[in-house]
């Protein structure tokens, strides 16, 4: 997972490279930049060799 921050928000680039799948815990609600779908806070499964780009816009509550 590689977090990136800008004045417009935060972006998590998540890449699973081990071929076994796994998960990441999202600290708050965001949206998937690739699909455009909303994602909820909590555990998110990441499949074998899957990658995701999750955006947390500025103004969303940080915990």
C-alpha atoms as a PDB file:
ATOM      1  CA  UNK A   1       0.000   0.000   0.000  1.00  0.00           C
ATOM      2  CA  UNK A   2       1.384   3.372  -1.001  1.00  0.00           C
ATOM      3  CA  UNK A   3      -0.496   6.390   0.382  1.00  0.00           C
ATOM      4  CA  UNK A   4      -0.363   9.674  -1.517  1.00  0.00           C
ATOM      5  CA  UNK A   5      -1.666  13.031  -0.273  1.00  0.00           C
ATOM      6  CA  UNK A   6      -2.548  16.234  -2.095  1.00  0.00           C
ATOM      7  CA  UNK A   7      -4.594  19.329  -1.419  1.00  0.00           C
ATOM      8  CA  UNK A   8      -7.660  17.556  -2.842  1.00  0.00           C
ATOM      9  CA  UNK A   9      -7.434  14.428  -0.694  1.00  0.00           C
ATOM     10  CA  UNK A  10      -5.647  11.173  -0.055  1.00  0.00           C
ATOM     11  CA  UNK A  11      -5.167   8.244  -2.452  1.00  0.00           C
ATOM     12  CA  UNK A  12      -4.173   4.718  -1.451  1.00  0.00           C
ATOM     13  CA  UNK A  13      -2.606   2.637  -4.202  1.00  0.00           C
ATOM     14  CA  UNK A  14      -2.958  -0.992  -3.105  1.00  0.00           C
ATOM     15  CA  UNK A  15      -1.159  -3.788  -4.963  1.00  0.00           C
ATOM     16  CA  UNK A  16      -1.123  -7.470  -4.032  1.00  0.00           C
ATOM     17  CA  UNK A  17       2.020  -9.039  -5.484  1.00  0.00           C
ATOM     18  CA  UNK A  18       2.302 -12.344  -3.601  1.00  0.00           C
ATOM     19  CA  UNK A  19      -0.273 -14.364  -5.525  1.00  0.00           C
ATOM     20  CA  UNK A  20      -2.134 -15.358  -2.356  1.00  0.00           C
ATOM     21  CA  UNK A  21      -4.567 -12.479  -1.892  1.00  0.00           C
ATOM     22  CA  UNK A  22      -5.004 -10.542   1.317  1.00  0.00           C
ATOM     23  CA  UNK A  23      -6.775  -7.584   2.846  1.00  0.00           C
ATOM     24  CA  UNK A  24      -6.320  -3.980   3.894  1.00  0.00           C
ATOM     25  CA  UNK A  25      -8.277  -2.018   6.499  1.00  0.00           C
ATOM     26  CA  UNK A  26      -9.714   1.243   5.198  1.00  0.00           C
ATOM     27  CA  UNK A  27      -9.894   3.912   7.926  1.00  0.00           C
ATOM     28  CA  UNK A  28     -12.962   5.631   6.475  1.00  0.00           C
ATOM     29  CA  UNK A  29     -15.337   5.609   3.512  1.00  0.00           C
ATOM     30  CA  UNK A  30     -13.876   6.466   0.123  1.00  0.00           C
ATOM     31  CA  UNK A  31     -14.324   5.547  -3.503  1.00  0.00           C
ATOM     32  CA  UNK A  32     -12.586   3.272  -5.956  1.00  0.00           C
ATOM     33  CA  UNK A  33     -10.921   5.388  -8.645  1.00  0.00           C
ATOM     34  CA  UNK A  34     -10.956   2.487 -11.122  1.00  0.00           C
ATOM     35  CA  UNK A  35     -14.621   1.463 -10.830  1.00  0.00           C
ATOM     36  CA  UNK A  36     -16.110   4.692  -9.453  1.00  0.00           C
ATOM     37  CA  UNK A  37     -17.877   2.726  -6.699  1.00  0.00           C
ATOM     38  CA  UNK A  38     -18.073   3.799  -3.066  1.00  0.00           C
ATOM     39  CA  UNK A  39     -16.181   1.651  -0.589  1.00  0.00           C
ATOM     40  CA  UNK A  40     -16.978   1.440   3.096  1.00  0.00           C
ATOM     41  CA  UNK A  41     -14.577   1.741   5.997  1.00  0.00           C
ATOM     42  CA  UNK A  42     -13.200  -1.516   7.352  1.00  0.00           C
ATOM     43  CA  UNK A  43     -11.636  -4.612   5.888  1.00  0.00           C
ATOM     44  CA  UNK A  44     -11.348  -4.793   2.088  1.00  0.00           C
ATOM     45  CA  UNK A  45     -10.231  -8.003   0.413  1.00  0.00           C
ATOM     46  CA  UNK A  46      -7.577  -7.755  -2.301  1.00  0.00           C
ATOM     47  CA  UNK A  47      -7.334 -10.701  -4.678  1.00  0.00           C
ATOM     48  CA  UNK A  48      -4.262 -12.416  -6.124  1.00  0.00           C
ATOM     49  CA  UNK A  49      -2.229  -9.875  -8.089  1.00  0.00           C
ATOM     50  CA  UNK A  50      -5.129  -7.404  -7.822  1.00  0.00           C
ATOM     51  CA  UNK A  51      -4.615  -3.676  -7.546  1.00  0.00           C
ATOM     52  CA  UNK A  52      -6.970  -0.970  -6.264  1.00  0.00           C
ATOM     53  CA  UNK A  53      -6.858   2.816  -6.062  1.00  0.00           C
ATOM     54  CA  UNK A  54      -8.955   4.122  -3.173  1.00  0.00           C
ATOM     55  CA  UNK A  55      -9.517   7.876  -2.832  1.00  0.00           C
ATOM     56  CA  UNK A  56     -10.435   9.674   0.369  1.00  0.00           C
ATOM     57  CA  UNK A  57     -11.474  13.220  -0.615  1.00  0.00           C
ATOM     58  CA  UNK A  58     -10.526  16.209   1.519  1.00  0.00           C
ATOM     59  CA  UNK A  59     -13.201  16.972   4.055  1.00  0.00           C
ATOM     60  CA  UNK A  60     -13.969  13.315   4.768  1.00  0.00           C
ATOM     61  CA  UNK A  61     -13.576  12.724   8.477  1.00  0.00           C
ATOM     62  CA  UNK A  62     -10.205  11.307   9.465  1.00  0.00           C
ATOM     63  CA  UNK A  63     -10.138   9.004  12.476  1.00  0.00           C
END
